[in-house]
Amino acid sequence: TARRELYEETGALAYTLQPVCFYSVTVPDNFDGRETFGLLCYAEITAF
């Protein structure tokens, strides 16, 4: 997912990608107020 989204949203062709941590977001008026989870990554892009 991270690789696909990085390419789709930036056009990144060459990069390093590192998982950083997991995160969650809870918003009362989104996803019925449930905690939703994701992966936070860091990338260094060298070609677009």
All heavy atoms as atom14 arrays in JSON, in Angstrom:
{
  "sequence": "TARRELYEETGALAYTLQPVCFYSVTVPDNFDGRETFGLLCYAEITAF",
  "atom14_mask": [
    [1, 1, 1, 1, 1, 1, 1, 0, 0, 0, 0, 0, 0, 0],
    [1, 1, 1, 1, 1, 0, 0, 0, 0, 0, 0, 0, 0, 0],
    [1, 1, 1, 1, 1, 1, 1, 1, 1, 1, 1, 0, 0, 0],
    [1, 1, 1, 1, 1, 1, 1, 1, 1, 1, 1, 0, 0, 0],
    [1, 1, 1, 1, 1, 1, 1, 1, 1, 0, 0, 0, 0, 0],
    [1, 1, 1, 1, 1, 1, 1, 1, 0, 0, 0, 0, 0, 0],
    [1, 1, 1, 1, 1, 1, 1, 1, 1, 1, 1, 1, 0, 0],
    [1, 1, 1, 1, 1, 1, 1, 1, 1, 0, 0, 0, 0, 0],
    [1, 1, 1, 1, 1, 1, 1, 1, 1, 0, 0, 0, 0, 0],
    [1, 1, 1, 1, 1, 1, 1, 0, 0, 0, 0, 0, 0, 0],
    [1, 1, 1, 1, 0, 0, 0, 0, 0, 0, 0, 0, 0, 0],
    [1, 1, 1, 1, 1, 0, 0, 0, 0, 0, 0, 0, 0, 0],
    [1, 1, 1, 1, 1, 1, 1, 1, 0, 0, 0, 0, 0, 0],
    [1, 1, 1, 1, 1, 0, 0, 0, 0, 0, 0, 0, 0, 0],
    [1, 1, 1, 1, 1, 1, 1, 1, 1, 1, 1, 1, 0, 0],
    [1, 1, 1, 1, 1, 1, 1, 0, 0, 0, 0, 0, 0, 0],
    [1, 1, 1, 1, 1, 1, 1, 1, 0, 0, 0, 0, 0, 0],
    [1, 1, 1, 1, 1, 1, 1, 1, 1, 0, 0, 0, 0, 0],
    [1, 1, 1, 1, 1, 1, 1, 0, 0, 0, 0, 0, 0, 0],
    [1, 1, 1, 1, 1, 1, 1, 0, 0, 0, 0, 0, 0, 0],
    [1, 1, 1, 1, 1, 1, 0, 0, 0, 0, 0, 0, 0, 0],
    [1, 1, 1, 1, 1, 1, 1, 1, 1, 1, 1, 0, 0, 0],
    [1, 1, 1, 1, 1, 1, 1, 1, 1, 1, 1, 1, 0, 0],
    [1, 1, 1, 1, 1, 1, 0, 0, 0, 0, 0, 0, 0, 0],
    [1, 1, 1, 1, 1, 1, 1, 0, 0, 0, 0, 0, 0, 0],
    [1, 1, 1, 1, 1, 1, 1, 0, 0, 0, 0, 0, 0, 0],
    [1, 1, 1, 1, 1, 1, 1, 0, 0, 0, 0, 0, 0, 0],
    [1, 1, 1, 1, 1, 1, 1, 0, 0, 0, 0, 0, 0, 0],
    [1, 1, 1, 1, 1, 1, 1, 1, 0, 0, 0, 0, 0, 0],
    [1, 1, 1, 1, 1, 1, 1, 1, 0, 0, 0, 0, 0, 0],
    [1, 1, 1, 1, 1, 1, 1, 1, 1, 1, 1, 0, 0, 0],
    [1, 1, 1, 1, 1, 1, 1, 1, 0, 0, 0, 0, 0, 0],
    [1, 1, 1, 1, 0, 0, 0, 0, 0, 0, 0, 0, 0, 0],
    [1, 1, 1, 1, 1, 1, 1, 1, 1, 1, 1, 0, 0, 0],
    [1, 1, 1, 1, 1, 1, 1, 1, 1, 0, 0, 0, 0, 0],
    [1, 1, 1, 1, 1, 1, 1, 0, 0, 0, 0, 0, 0, 0],
    [1, 1, 1, 1, 1, 1, 1, 1, 1, 1, 1, 0, 0, 0],
    [1, 1, 1, 1, 0, 0, 0, 0, 0, 0, 0, 0, 0, 0],
    [1, 1, 1, 1, 1, 1, 1, 1, 0, 0, 0, 0, 0, 0],
    [1, 1, 1, 1, 1, 1, 1, 1, 0, 0, 0, 0, 0, 0],
    [1, 1, 1, 1, 1, 1, 0, 0, 0, 0, 0, 0, 0, 0],
    [1, 1, 1, 1, 1, 1, 1, 1, 1, 1, 1, 1, 0, 0],
    [1, 1, 1, 1, 1, 0, 0, 0, 0, 0, 0, 0, 0, 0],
    [1, 1, 1, 1, 1, 1, 1, 1, 1, 0, 0, 0, 0, 0],
    [1, 1, 1, 1, 1, 1, 1, 1, 0, 0, 0, 0, 0, 0],
    [1, 1, 1, 1, 1, 1, 1, 0, 0, 0, 0, 0, 0, 0],
    [1, 1, 1, 1, 1, 0, 0, 0, 0, 0, 0, 0, 0, 0],
    [1, 1, 1, 1, 1, 1, 1, 1, 1, 1, 1, 0, 0, 0]
  ],
  "atom14_positions": [
    [[0.85, -1.2, 0.0], [0.0, 0.0, 0.0], [0.88, 1.24, 0.0], [0.65, 2.18, -0.78], [-0.93, 0.02, 1.23], [-1.72, -1.16, 1.24], [-1.81, 1.26, 1.25], [0.0, 0.0, 0.0], [0.0, 0.0, 0.0], [0.0, 0.0, 0.0], [0.0, 0.0, 0.0], [0.0, 0.0, 0.0], [0.0, 0.0, 0.0], [0.0, 0.0, 0.0]],
    [[1.88, 1.26, 0.86], [2.78, 2.41, 0.94], [3.49, 2.64, -0.39], [3.56, 3.76, -0.88], [3.79, 2.21, 2.07], [0.0, 0.0, 0.0], [0.0, 0.0, 0.0], [0.0, 0.0, 0.0], [0.0, 0.0, 0.0], [0.0, 0.0, 0.0], [0.0, 0.0, 0.0], [0.0, 0.0, 0.0], [0.0, 0.0, 0.0], [0.0, 0.0, 0.0]],
    [[4.01, 1.57, -0.99], [4.7, 1.7, -2.28], [3.75, 2.19, -3.37], [4.1, 3.07, -4.16], [5.29, 0.36, -2.69], [6.47, -0.08, -1.86], [7.03, -1.42, -2.35], [7.95, -1.98, -1.4], [7.64, -2.91, -0.48], [6.41, -3.41, -0.43], [8.55, -3.33, 0.36], [0.0, 0.0, 0.0], [0.0, 0.0, 0.0], [0.0, 0.0, 0.0]],
    [[2.55, 1.61, -3.43], [1.57, 2.01, -4.45], [1.18, 3.47, -4.29], [1.17, 4.25, -5.26], [0.34, 1.1, -4.36], [-0.78, 1.5, -5.34], [-1.98, 0.59, -5.23], [-2.51, 0.43, -3.89], [-3.25, 1.34, -3.26], [-3.55, 2.51, -3.82], [-3.71, 1.09, -2.03], [0.0, 0.0, 0.0], [0.0, 0.0, 0.0], [0.0, 0.0, 0.0]],
    [[0.85, 3.87, -3.06], [0.43, 5.25, -2.82], [1.56, 6.24, -3.1], [1.33, 7.3, -3.66], [-0.09, 5.41, -1.4], [-1.42, 4.72, -1.15], [-2.61, 5.36, -1.84], [-2.49, 6.48, -2.38], [-3.68, 4.72, -1.84], [0.0, 0.0, 0.0], [0.0, 0.0, 0.0], [0.0, 0.0, 0.0], [0.0, 0.0, 0.0], [0.0, 0.0, 0.0]],
    [[2.78, 5.88, -2.73], [3.91, 6.76, -3.01], [4.06, 6.98, -4.52], [4.24, 8.11, -4.97], [5.2, 6.19, -2.41], [6.43, 7.09, -2.5], [6.23, 8.39, -1.72], [7.66, 6.35, -1.99], [0.0, 0.0, 0.0], [0.0, 0.0, 0.0], [0.0, 0.0, 0.0], [0.0, 0.0, 0.0], [0.0, 0.0, 0.0], [0.0, 0.0, 0.0]],
    [[3.94, 5.91, -5.29], [4.04, 6.04, -6.74], [2.84, 6.83, -7.3], [3.01, 7.76, -8.07], [4.12, 4.67, -7.41], [3.98, 4.79, -8.91], [5.01, 5.32, -9.67], [2.8, 4.43, -9.55], [4.87, 5.49, -11.04], [2.65, 4.59, -10.91], [3.69, 5.12, -11.65], [3.54, 5.3, -13.01], [0.0, 0.0, 0.0], [0.0, 0.0, 0.0]],
    [[1.63, 6.43, -6.92], [0.43, 7.07, -7.48], [0.38, 8.56, -7.17], [-0.02, 9.35, -8.02], [-0.84, 6.42, -6.92], [-1.12, 5.05, -7.48], [-2.34, 4.39, -6.88], [-3.02, 5.0, -6.01], [-2.64, 3.25, -7.27], [0.0, 0.0, 0.0], [0.0, 0.0, 0.0], [0.0, 0.0, 0.0], [0.0, 0.0, 0.0], [0.0, 0.0, 0.0]],
    [[0.79, 8.94, -5.97], [0.61, 10.32, -5.55], [1.81, 11.22, -5.81], [1.67, 12.44, -5.8], [0.2, 10.37, -4.08], [-1.16, 9.7, -3.89], [-1.85, 10.04, -2.59], [-1.22, 10.66, -1.71], [-3.02, 9.67, -2.47], [0.0, 0.0, 0.0], [0.0, 0.0, 0.0], [0.0, 0.0, 0.0], [0.0, 0.0, 0.0], [0.0, 0.0, 0.0]],
    [[2.98, 10.63, -6.06], [4.16, 11.47, -6.32], [4.85, 11.12, -7.63], [5.67, 11.9, -8.11], [5.21, 11.34, -5.21], [5.79, 10.03, -5.24], [4.61, 11.63, -3.84], [0.0, 0.0, 0.0], [0.0, 0.0, 0.0], [0.0, 0.0, 0.0], [0.0, 0.0, 0.0], [0.0, 0.0, 0.0], [0.0, 0.0, 0.0], [0.0, 0.0, 0.0]],
    [[4.58, 9.94, -8.18], [5.31, 9.5, -9.35], [6.7, 8.99, -9.02], [7.56, 8.87, -9.9], [0.0, 0.0, 0.0], [0.0, 0.0, 0.0], [0.0, 0.0, 0.0], [0.0, 0.0, 0.0], [0.0, 0.0, 0.0], [0.0, 0.0, 0.0], [0.0, 0.0, 0.0], [0.0, 0.0, 0.0], [0.0, 0.0, 0.0], [0.0, 0.0, 0.0]],
    [[6.95, 8.67, -7.75], [8.27, 8.2, -7.32], [8.62, 6.89, -8.03], [7.86, 5.93, -7.98], [8.3, 7.99, -5.81], [0.0, 0.0, 0.0], [0.0, 0.0, 0.0], [0.0, 0.0, 0.0], [0.0, 0.0, 0.0], [0.0, 0.0, 0.0], [0.0, 0.0, 0.0], [0.0, 0.0, 0.0], [0.0, 0.0, 0.0], [0.0, 0.0, 0.0]],
    [[9.75, 6.89, -8.72], [10.22, 5.7, -9.42], [11.36, 5.01, -8.68], [11.47, 3.8, -8.68], [10.7, 6.08, -10.83], [9.64, 6.57, -11.79], [10.29, 7.06, -13.08], [8.62, 5.48, -12.08], [0.0, 0.0, 0.0], [0.0, 0.0, 0.0], [0.0, 0.0, 0.0], [0.0, 0.0, 0.0], [0.0, 0.0, 0.0], [0.0, 0.0, 0.0]],
    [[12.23, 5.8, -8.07], [13.37, 5.26, -7.33], [13.36, 5.89, -5.93], [13.27, 7.11, -5.8], [14.69, 5.58, -8.03], [0.0, 0.0, 0.0], [0.0, 0.0, 0.0], [0.0, 0.0, 0.0], [0.0, 0.0, 0.0], [0.0, 0.0, 0.0], [0.0, 0.0, 0.0], [0.0, 0.0, 0.0], [0.0, 0.0, 0.0], [0.0, 0.0, 0.0]],
    [[13.42, 5.03, -4.92], [13.33, 5.52, -3.55], [13.74, 4.43, -2.57], [13.76, 3.25, -2.92], [11.91, 6.0, -3.22], [10.86, 4.96, -3.48], [10.53, 4.01, -2.5], [10.19, 4.91, -4.69], [9.56, 3.04, -2.75], [9.22, 3.95, -4.93], [8.91, 3.02, -3.96], [7.96, 2.07, -4.2], [0.0, 0.0, 0.0], [0.0, 0.0, 0.0]],
    [[14.03, 4.86, -1.35], [14.15, 3.93, -0.24], [12.94, 4.18, 0.64], [12.49, 5.32, 0.79], [15.44, 4.14, 0.58], [15.44, 5.48, 1.07], [16.66, 3.89, -0.27], [0.0, 0.0, 0.0], [0.0, 0.0, 0.0], [0.0, 0.0, 0.0], [0.0, 0.0, 0.0], [0.0, 0.0, 0.0], [0.0, 0.0, 0.0], [0.0, 0.0, 0.0]],
    [[12.4, 3.12, 1.21], [11.19, 3.21, 2.03], [11.43, 2.46, 3.32], [11.85, 1.3, 3.29], [10.0, 2.61, 1.28], [8.68, 2.62, 2.0], [8.1, 4.03, 2.03], [7.7, 1.68, 1.32], [0.0, 0.0, 0.0], [0.0, 0.0, 0.0], [0.0, 0.0, 0.0], [0.0, 0.0, 0.0], [0.0, 0.0, 0.0], [0.0, 0.0, 0.0]],
    [[11.19, 3.12, 4.44], [11.37, 2.5, 5.75], [10.09, 2.63, 6.56], [9.58, 3.74, 6.73], [12.47, 3.21, 6.54], [13.85, 3.0, 6.04], [14.81, 3.74, 6.94], [15.06, 4.92, 6.75], [15.33, 3.05, 7.94], [0.0, 0.0, 0.0], [0.0, 0.0, 0.0], [0.0, 0.0, 0.0], [0.0, 0.0, 0.0], [0.0, 0.0, 0.0]],
    [[9.59, 1.52, 7.11], [8.49, 1.64, 8.08], [9.02, 2.35, 9.33], [10.15, 2.1, 9.75], [8.12, 0.19, 8.4], [8.79, -0.64, 7.37], [9.96, 0.14, 6.86], [0.0, 0.0, 0.0], [0.0, 0.0, 0.0], [0.0, 0.0, 0.0], [0.0, 0.0, 0.0], [0.0, 0.0, 0.0], [0.0, 0.0, 0.0], [0.0, 0.0, 0.0]],
    [[8.23, 3.23, 9.9], [8.62, 3.97, 11.09], [7.89, 3.42, 12.32], [8.51, 3.03, 13.29], [8.31, 5.47, 10.93], [8.58, 6.24, 12.22], [9.1, 6.06, 9.78], [0.0, 0.0, 0.0], [0.0, 0.0, 0.0], [0.0, 0.0, 0.0], [0.0, 0.0, 0.0], [0.0, 0.0, 0.0], [0.0, 0.0, 0.0], [0.0, 0.0, 0.0]],
    [[6.56, 3.4, 12.26], [5.74, 2.92, 13.37], [4.31, 2.79, 12.88], [3.98, 3.15, 11.76], [5.83, 3.85, 14.57], [5.14, 5.49, 14.29], [0.0, 0.0, 0.0], [0.0, 0.0, 0.0], [0.0, 0.0, 0.0], [0.0, 0.0, 0.0], [0.0, 0.0, 0.0], [0.0, 0.0, 0.0], [0.0, 0.0, 0.0], [0.0, 0.0, 0.0]],
    [[3.47, 2.32, 13.77], [2.04, 2.26, 13.5], [1.39, 3.42, 14.23], [1.91, 3.89, 15.24], [1.47, 0.92, 13.98], [2.14, -0.24, 13.31], [3.16, -0.93, 13.94], [1.76, -0.63, 12.03], [3.8, -1.99, 13.31], [2.4, -1.68, 11.4], [3.41, -2.36, 12.04], [0.0, 0.0, 0.0], [0.0, 0.0, 0.0], [0.0, 0.0, 0.0]],
    [[0.27, 3.88, 13.7], [-0.44, 4.99, 14.34], [-1.93, 4.69, 14.29], [-2.38, 3.84, 13.52], [-0.12, 6.32, 13.65], [-0.7, 6.43, 12.27], [-1.95, 7.01, 12.05], [-0.03, 5.93, 11.16], [-2.5, 7.09, 10.78], [-0.57, 6.0, 9.9], [-1.81, 6.59, 9.71], [-2.34, 6.64, 8.46], [0.0, 0.0, 0.0], [0.0, 0.0, 0.0]],
    [[-2.66, 5.38, 15.13], [-4.11, 5.29, 15.05], [-4.69, 6.68, 15.15], [-4.08, 7.6, 15.7], [-4.67, 4.4, 16.16], [-4.61, 5.05, 17.41], [0.0, 0.0, 0.0], [0.0, 0.0, 0.0], [0.0, 0.0, 0.0], [0.0, 0.0, 0.0], [0.0, 0.0, 0.0], [0.0, 0.0, 0.0], [0.0, 0.0, 0.0], [0.0, 0.0, 0.0]],
    [[-5.87, 6.82, 14.58], [-6.61, 8.08, 14.63], [-8.02, 7.76, 15.08], [-8.65, 6.83, 14.58], [-6.64, 8.76, 13.24], [-7.48, 10.04, 13.28], [-5.23, 9.06, 12.75], [0.0, 0.0, 0.0], [0.0, 0.0, 0.0], [0.0, 0.0, 0.0], [0.0, 0.0, 0.0], [0.0, 0.0, 0.0], [0.0, 0.0, 0.0], [0.0, 0.0, 0.0]],
    [[-8.5, 8.55, 16.02], [-9.89, 8.45, 16.46], [-10.51, 9.83, 16.3], [-10.0, 10.81, 16.85], [-9.98, 8.0, 17.94], [-9.23, 6.8, 18.09], [-11.42, 7.76, 18.34], [0.0, 0.0, 0.0], [0.0, 0.0, 0.0], [0.0, 0.0, 0.0], [0.0, 0.0, 0.0], [0.0, 0.0, 0.0], [0.0, 0.0, 0.0], [0.0, 0.0, 0.0]],
    [[-11.59, 9.89, 15.52], [-12.31, 11.12, 15.28], [-13.79, 10.82, 15.53], [-14.33, 9.9, 14.91], [-12.11, 11.63, 13.83], [-12.8, 12.97, 13.62], [-10.64, 11.74, 13.49], [0.0, 0.0, 0.0], [0.0, 0.0, 0.0], [0.0, 0.0, 0.0], [0.0, 0.0, 0.0], [0.0, 0.0, 0.0], [0.0, 0.0, 0.0], [0.0, 0.0, 0.0]],
    [[-14.44, 11.58, 16.38], [-15.83, 11.26, 16.73], [-16.77, 11.17, 15.52], [-17.66, 10.32, 15.5], [-16.25, 12.42, 17.64], [-14.97, 12.94, 18.2], [-13.93, 12.72, 17.14], [0.0, 0.0, 0.0], [0.0, 0.0, 0.0], [0.0, 0.0, 0.0], [0.0, 0.0, 0.0], [0.0, 0.0, 0.0], [0.0, 0.0, 0.0], [0.0, 0.0, 0.0]],
    [[-16.55, 12.0, 14.5], [-17.48, 12.0, 13.36], [-16.95, 11.26, 12.13], [-17.4, 11.48, 11.02], [-17.85, 13.44, 12.98], [-16.64, 14.26, 12.56], [-15.5, 13.8, 12.74], [-16.85, 15.39, 12.06], [0.0, 0.0, 0.0], [0.0, 0.0, 0.0], [0.0, 0.0, 0.0], [0.0, 0.0, 0.0], [0.0, 0.0, 0.0], [0.0, 0.0, 0.0]],
    [[-15.98, 10.36, 12.33], [-15.43, 9.59, 11.22], [-15.3, 8.13, 11.64], [-14.88, 7.85, 12.76], [-14.06, 10.17, 10.84], [-13.72, 9.95, 9.39], [-14.36, 9.19, 8.68], [-12.67, 10.62, 8.95], [0.0, 0.0, 0.0], [0.0, 0.0, 0.0], [0.0, 0.0, 0.0], [0.0, 0.0, 0.0], [0.0, 0.0, 0.0], [0.0, 0.0, 0.0]],
    [[-15.64, 7.21, 10.77], [-15.58, 5.77, 11.06], [-16.34, 5.45, 12.35], [-15.89, 4.66, 13.17], [-14.13, 5.28, 11.16], [-13.38, 5.38, 9.87], [-12.45, 6.39, 9.68], [-13.6, 4.48, 8.84], [-11.76, 6.5, 8.49], [-12.9, 4.58, 7.65], [-11.98, 5.59, 7.47], [0.0, 0.0, 0.0], [0.0, 0.0, 0.0], [0.0, 0.0, 0.0]],
    [[-17.49, 6.1, 12.52], [-18.34, 5.89, 13.7], [-17.59, 6.09, 15.01], [-17.89, 5.47, 16.02], [-18.97, 4.49, 13.67], [-19.89, 4.3, 12.48], [-20.6, 5.26, 12.13], [-19.88, 3.19, 11.91], [0.0, 0.0, 0.0], [0.0, 0.0, 0.0], [0.0, 0.0, 0.0], [0.0, 0.0, 0.0], [0.0, 0.0, 0.0], [0.0, 0.0, 0.0]],
    [[-16.57, 6.93, 14.99], [-15.81, 7.23, 16.19], [-14.83, 6.15, 16.6], [-14.21, 6.23, 17.66], [0.0, 0.0, 0.0], [0.0, 0.0, 0.0], [0.0, 0.0, 0.0], [0.0, 0.0, 0.0], [0.0, 0.0, 0.0], [0.0, 0.0, 0.0], [0.0, 0.0, 0.0], [0.0, 0.0, 0.0], [0.0, 0.0, 0.0], [0.0, 0.0, 0.0]],
    [[-14.68, 5.12, 15.73], [-13.75, 4.02, 16.07], [-12.31, 4.41, 15.77], [-12.04, 5.18, 14.84], [-14.11, 2.77, 15.26], [-15.42, 2.13, 15.67], [-15.67, 0.94, 14.81], [-15.4, 1.36, 13.42], [-16.06, 0.95, 12.36], [-16.98, 0.06, 12.47], [-15.77, 1.41, 11.17], [0.0, 0.0, 0.0], [0.0, 0.0, 0.0], [0.0, 0.0, 0.0]],
    [[-11.41, 3.81, 16.52], [-9.98, 3.99, 16.3], [-9.61, 3.27, 14.99], [-9.94, 2.1, 14.82], [-9.22, 3.38, 17.49], [-7.74, 3.6, 17.47], [-7.07, 3.05, 18.72], [-7.6, 2.11, 19.34], [-5.99, 3.56, 19.06], [0.0, 0.0, 0.0], [0.0, 0.0, 0.0], [0.0, 0.0, 0.0], [0.0, 0.0, 0.0], [0.0, 0.0, 0.0]],
    [[-8.96, 3.98, 14.07], [-8.5, 3.38, 12.81], [-6.98, 3.41, 12.79], [-6.36, 4.34, 13.32], [-9.06, 4.11, 11.58], [-8.69, 5.48, 11.64], [-10.58, 3.98, 11.52], [0.0, 0.0, 0.0], [0.0, 0.0, 0.0], [0.0, 0.0, 0.0], [0.0, 0.0, 0.0], [0.0, 0.0, 0.0], [0.0, 0.0, 0.0], [0.0, 0.0, 0.0]],
    [[-6.39, 2.4, 12.18], [-4.95, 2.2, 12.25], [-4.27, 2.32, 10.9], [-4.87, 2.01, 9.86], [-4.65, 0.81, 12.81], [-5.01, 0.65, 14.26], [-6.32, 0.36, 14.62], [-4.06, 0.83, 15.25], [-6.67, 0.23, 15.95], [-4.4, 0.69, 16.59], [-5.71, 0.4, 16.93], [0.0, 0.0, 0.0], [0.0, 0.0, 0.0], [0.0, 0.0, 0.0]],
    [[-3.01, 2.75, 10.94], [-2.23, 2.86, 9.72], [-0.74, 2.64, 10.0], [-0.32, 2.53, 11.15], [0.0, 0.0, 0.0], [0.0, 0.0, 0.0], [0.0, 0.0, 0.0], [0.0, 0.0, 0.0], [0.0, 0.0, 0.0], [0.0, 0.0, 0.0], [0.0, 0.0, 0.0], [0.0, 0.0, 0.0], [0.0, 0.0, 0.0], [0.0, 0.0, 0.0]],
    [[0.01, 2.58, 8.92], [1.46, 2.46, 8.98], [2.07, 3.79, 8.54], [1.7, 4.32, 7.49], [1.94, 1.35, 8.05], [3.45, 1.21, 7.88], [4.11, 0.75, 9.18], [3.78, 0.24, 6.75], [0.0, 0.0, 0.0], [0.0, 0.0, 0.0], [0.0, 0.0, 0.0], [0.0, 0.0, 0.0], [0.0, 0.0, 0.0], [0.0, 0.0, 0.0]],
    [[2.98, 4.31, 9.34], [3.73, 5.51, 8.98], [5.09, 5.07, 8.44], [5.78, 4.27, 9.07], [3.92, 6.4, 10.2], [4.82, 7.63, 10.02], [4.27, 8.56, 8.95], [4.99, 8.35, 11.36], [0.0, 0.0, 0.0], [0.0, 0.0, 0.0], [0.0, 0.0, 0.0], [0.0, 0.0, 0.0], [0.0, 0.0, 0.0], [0.0, 0.0, 0.0]],
    [[5.45, 5.57, 7.26], [6.73, 5.25, 6.64], [7.49, 6.54, 6.34], [6.91, 7.62, 6.3], [6.52, 4.51, 5.31], [5.81, 2.88, 5.48], [0.0, 0.0, 0.0], [0.0, 0.0, 0.0], [0.0, 0.0, 0.0], [0.0, 0.0, 0.0], [0.0, 0.0, 0.0], [0.0, 0.0, 0.0], [0.0, 0.0, 0.0], [0.0, 0.0, 0.0]],
    [[8.78, 6.36, 6.1], [9.63, 7.47, 5.65], [10.31, 7.03, 4.37], [10.77, 5.89, 4.25], [10.68, 7.81, 6.71], [11.61, 8.9, 6.24], [11.17, 10.22, 6.15], [12.91, 8.61, 5.87], [12.02, 11.22, 5.71], [13.77, 9.61, 5.43], [13.31, 10.9, 5.35], [14.13, 11.9, 4.89], [0.0, 0.0, 0.0], [0.0, 0.0, 0.0]],
    [[10.36, 7.93, 3.38], [10.98, 7.61, 2.1], [11.94, 8.73, 1.68], [11.69, 9.9, 1.95], [9.92, 7.42, 1.02], [0.0, 0.0, 0.0], [0.0, 0.0, 0.0], [0.0, 0.0, 0.0], [0.0, 0.0, 0.0], [0.0, 0.0, 0.0], [0.0, 0.0, 0.0], [0.0, 0.0, 0.0], [0.0, 0.0, 0.0], [0.0, 0.0, 0.0]],
    [[12.99, 8.31, 1.02], [13.91, 9.23, 0.32], [13.74, 8.92, -1.16], [14.06, 7.81, -1.61], [15.35, 8.98, 0.75], [15.66, 9.41, 2.16], [16.0, 10.88, 2.29], [16.19, 11.56, 1.26], [16.06, 11.33, 3.44], [0.0, 0.0, 0.0], [0.0, 0.0, 0.0], [0.0, 0.0, 0.0], [0.0, 0.0, 0.0], [0.0, 0.0, 0.0]],
    [[13.23, 9.89, -1.91], [12.95, 9.71, -3.34], [14.12, 10.26, -4.15], [14.56, 11.39, -3.92], [11.64, 10.41, -3.74], [10.47, 9.87, -2.9], [11.37, 10.22, -5.23], [9.18, 10.65, -3.06], [0.0, 0.0, 0.0], [0.0, 0.0, 0.0], [0.0, 0.0, 0.0], [0.0, 0.0, 0.0], [0.0, 0.0, 0.0], [0.0, 0.0, 0.0]],
    [[14.59, 9.47, -5.12], [15.71, 9.92, -5.96], [15.32, 10.11, -7.42], [16.08, 10.71, -8.18], [16.89, 8.94, -5.87], [16.45, 7.63, -6.18], [17.5, 8.95, -4.47], [0.0, 0.0, 0.0], [0.0, 0.0, 0.0], [0.0, 0.0, 0.0], [0.0, 0.0, 0.0], [0.0, 0.0, 0.0], [0.0, 0.0, 0.0], [0.0, 0.0, 0.0]],
    [[14.14, 9.62, -7.83], [13.69, 9.82, -9.21], [12.17, 9.82, -9.27], [11.52, 8.99, -8.62], [14.25, 8.73, -10.12], [0.0, 0.0, 0.0], [0.0, 0.0, 0.0], [0.0, 0.0, 0.0], [0.0, 0.0, 0.0], [0.0, 0.0, 0.0], [0.0, 0.0, 0.0], [0.0, 0.0, 0.0], [0.0, 0.0, 0.0], [0.0, 0.0, 0.0]],
    [[11.63, 10.76, -10.06], [10.19, 10.89, -10.25], [9.82, 10.64, -11.71], [10.58, 11.0, -12.62], [9.72, 12.31, -9.92], [9.79, 12.68, -8.48], [10.91, 13.33, -7.98], [8.73, 12.43, -7.63], [10.98, 13.71, -6.65], [8.79, 12.8, -6.29], [9.91, 13.45, -5.8], [0.0, 0.0, 0.0], [0.0, 0.0, 0.0], [0.0, 0.0, 0.0]]
  ]
}
